[in-house]
Amino acid sequence: MDIQPLRVPFYTRVEDPLTHLYSFQSVVGCKGLNDEGQYLLFPSSLTEVALNWIYRLEHGTVDSFNELKQIFLNHFMIQTDRLYSADDLHTIRQKEDEPLREYAARFSHEYSRCPETDDRAAYGAFCPHTFGTSCTVATGVHMTS
């Protein structure tokens, strides 16, 4: 019997925990592992602090992979800078000494992490936080209501 190792990406706390879960499930899903198999294999995808965290969970407190996923997300999502909505985009501001191009690139990166936010809402979050120029001039876009 030829056993192939799974190529499961490691979670090091630099990555988004939700993205890690999606990647993990994508890899193990191809192997047809059931809930128990995923539950048993998940710790092997963790390193350092996350691995220590999972081994400190009290025995018997987690009964399924779905439960483990929720506990993992609840613990590590609060430690990430992941954005969720247009409201979160309003927290991004151009720094006084930051060139507009750099602010736009930083904003664009964060906007890409808000899949439910449309262009109009993103534009509304971007424009009020630019320094020294009108948003129409800065973006070349004029939005009307």
Protein backbone atom coordinates (compact mmCIF):
# COMPACT_ATOMS: atom_id res chain seq x y z
CA MET A 1 0.00 0.00 0.00
CA ASP A 2 1.46 3.35 -1.11
CA ILE A 3 0.55 6.13 1.33
CA GLN A 4 1.04 9.63 -0.03
CA PRO A 5 1.54 12.47 2.44
CA LEU A 6 -1.07 15.19 2.38
CA ARG A 7 0.22 18.55 1.27
CA VAL A 8 -1.62 20.54 3.90
CA PRO A 9 -0.60 24.20 4.28
CA PHE A 10 0.56 25.24 7.74
CA TYR A 11 -1.14 27.91 9.80
CA THR A 12 1.46 30.19 11.38
CA ARG A 13 -0.86 33.07 12.46
CA VAL A 14 0.42 35.22 9.59
CA GLU A 15 -2.33 33.85 7.34
CA ASP A 16 -6.00 34.56 7.67
CA PRO A 17 -7.48 31.71 9.80
CA LEU A 18 -10.53 31.41 7.56
CA THR A 19 -8.34 31.08 4.47
CA HIS A 20 -6.33 28.40 6.27
CA LEU A 21 -9.48 26.44 7.01
CA TYR A 22 -10.60 26.69 3.37
CA SER A 23 -7.17 25.50 2.19
CA PHE A 24 -7.11 22.66 4.70
CA GLN A 25 -10.58 21.48 3.77
CA SER A 26 -9.76 21.72 0.08
CA VAL A 27 -6.76 19.44 0.50
CA VAL A 28 -8.35 16.90 2.83
CA GLY A 29 -11.67 17.01 0.98
CA CYS A 30 -9.95 15.60 -2.09
CA LYS A 31 -8.93 12.59 0.00
CA GLY A 32 -12.50 11.90 1.09
CA LEU A 33 -11.81 12.23 4.82
CA ASN A 34 -14.87 12.26 7.04
CA ASP A 35 -15.42 14.59 10.01
CA GLU A 36 -13.38 12.40 12.35
CA GLY A 37 -10.46 12.18 9.92
CA GLN A 38 -10.42 15.95 9.46
CA TYR A 39 -10.64 16.40 13.22
CA LEU A 40 -7.64 14.14 13.77
CA LEU A 41 -5.57 15.63 10.93
CA PHE A 42 -6.22 19.33 11.59
CA PRO A 43 -3.55 19.71 14.35
CA SER A 44 -0.90 18.62 11.83
CA SER A 45 -1.67 21.80 9.85
CA LEU A 46 -0.80 24.05 12.79
CA THR A 47 2.54 25.38 14.01
CA GLU A 48 3.91 27.21 17.02
CA VAL A 49 1.29 29.14 18.99
CA ALA A 50 -1.68 27.58 17.20
CA LEU A 51 -0.36 24.07 17.80
CA ASN A 52 0.21 24.85 21.48
CA TRP A 53 -3.29 26.32 21.66
CA ILE A 54 -4.98 23.23 20.24
CA TYR A 55 -3.13 20.88 22.59
CA ARG A 56 -4.17 23.01 25.57
CA LEU A 57 -7.86 22.54 24.77
CA GLU A 58 -9.45 20.55 27.54
CA HIS A 59 -10.00 16.92 26.56
CA GLY A 60 -13.62 16.21 25.66
CA THR A 61 -14.60 19.84 24.98
CA VAL A 62 -14.61 19.38 21.20
CA ASP A 63 -16.71 16.61 19.67
CA SER A 64 -16.44 17.23 15.92
CA PHE A 65 -14.44 18.95 13.23
CA ASN A 66 -17.25 21.49 12.75
CA GLU A 67 -17.01 22.35 16.44
CA LEU A 68 -13.21 22.55 16.24
CA LYS A 69 -13.43 24.89 13.23
CA GLN A 70 -15.71 27.25 15.13
CA ILE A 71 -13.51 27.27 18.24
CA PHE A 72 -10.41 27.82 16.06
CA LEU A 73 -12.03 30.75 14.25
CA ASN A 74 -13.39 32.28 17.45
CA HIS A 75 -9.91 32.19 18.95
CA PHE A 76 -7.78 33.30 16.00
CA MET A 77 -10.11 35.65 14.08
CA ILE A 78 -9.88 38.23 16.84
CA GLN A 79 -6.12 38.22 16.35
CA THR A 80 -6.23 39.03 12.64
CA ASP A 81 -6.65 42.21 10.66
CA ARG A 82 -9.25 40.67 8.38
CA LEU A 83 -11.92 43.10 7.20
CA TYR A 84 -15.51 42.14 6.56
CA SER A 85 -17.54 45.02 5.15
CA ALA A 86 -17.66 48.53 3.74
CA ASP A 87 -17.99 49.79 7.32
CA ASP A 88 -14.57 48.30 8.04
CA LEU A 89 -13.12 50.03 4.96
CA HIS A 90 -14.03 53.39 6.52
CA THR A 91 -11.37 52.72 9.15
CA ILE A 92 -8.61 52.90 6.52
CA ARG A 93 -7.22 56.41 6.17
CA GLN A 94 -4.47 57.96 4.08
CA LYS A 95 -1.56 58.92 6.32
CA GLU A 96 -0.45 62.55 6.12
CA ASP A 97 2.89 61.70 4.51
CA GLU A 98 1.59 58.79 2.40
CA PRO A 99 1.49 59.29 -1.38
CA LEU A 100 -1.96 58.79 -2.87
CA ARG A 101 -0.72 55.89 -5.00
CA GLU A 102 0.45 53.99 -1.87
CA TYR A 103 -2.80 54.71 -0.02
CA ALA A 104 -4.79 53.53 -3.04
CA ALA A 105 -2.75 50.30 -3.24
CA ARG A 106 -3.19 49.65 0.50
CA PHE A 107 -6.90 50.42 0.30
CA SER A 108 -7.29 48.19 -2.77
CA HIS A 109 -5.60 45.30 -0.97
CA GLU A 110 -7.99 45.61 1.97
CA TYR A 111 -10.98 46.04 -0.34
CA SER A 112 -10.09 42.72 -1.99
CA ARG A 113 -10.59 41.13 1.44
CA CYS A 114 -14.22 42.36 1.61
CA PRO A 115 -15.96 40.11 -0.92
CA GLU A 116 -19.47 41.33 -0.07
CA THR A 117 -18.62 45.01 -0.65
CA ASP A 118 -19.50 46.54 -4.02
CA ASP A 119 -17.53 49.23 -5.88
CA ARG A 120 -19.88 52.06 -4.93
CA ALA A 121 -19.50 51.34 -1.21
CA ALA A 122 -15.72 51.01 -1.53
CA TYR A 123 -15.52 54.31 -3.41
CA GLY A 124 -17.58 55.93 -0.65
CA ALA A 125 -15.11 54.61 1.94
CA PHE A 126 -12.00 55.58 -0.04
CA CYS A 127 -12.74 59.20 -0.97
CA PRO A 128 -13.39 60.89 2.37
CA HIS A 129 -9.99 59.76 3.66
CA THR A 130 -7.69 61.24 0.98
CA PHE A 131 -5.54 64.32 1.59
CA GLY A 132 -5.04 67.33 -0.64
CA THR A 133 -7.09 66.46 -3.72
CA SER A 134 -10.65 65.81 -4.71
CA CYS A 135 -11.55 62.19 -5.08
CA THR A 136 -12.75 62.74 -8.66
CA VAL A 137 -9.32 64.09 -9.62
CA ALA A 138 -7.50 61.36 -7.64
CA THR A 139 -9.42 58.44 -9.10
CA GLY A 140 -10.64 59.80 -12.42
CA VAL A 141 -14.09 58.56 -11.38
CA HIS A 142 -17.12 60.69 -10.64
CA MET A 143 -19.90 58.82 -8.85
CA THR A 144 -23.41 60.19 -8.78
CA SER A 145 -26.14 59.19 -6.39
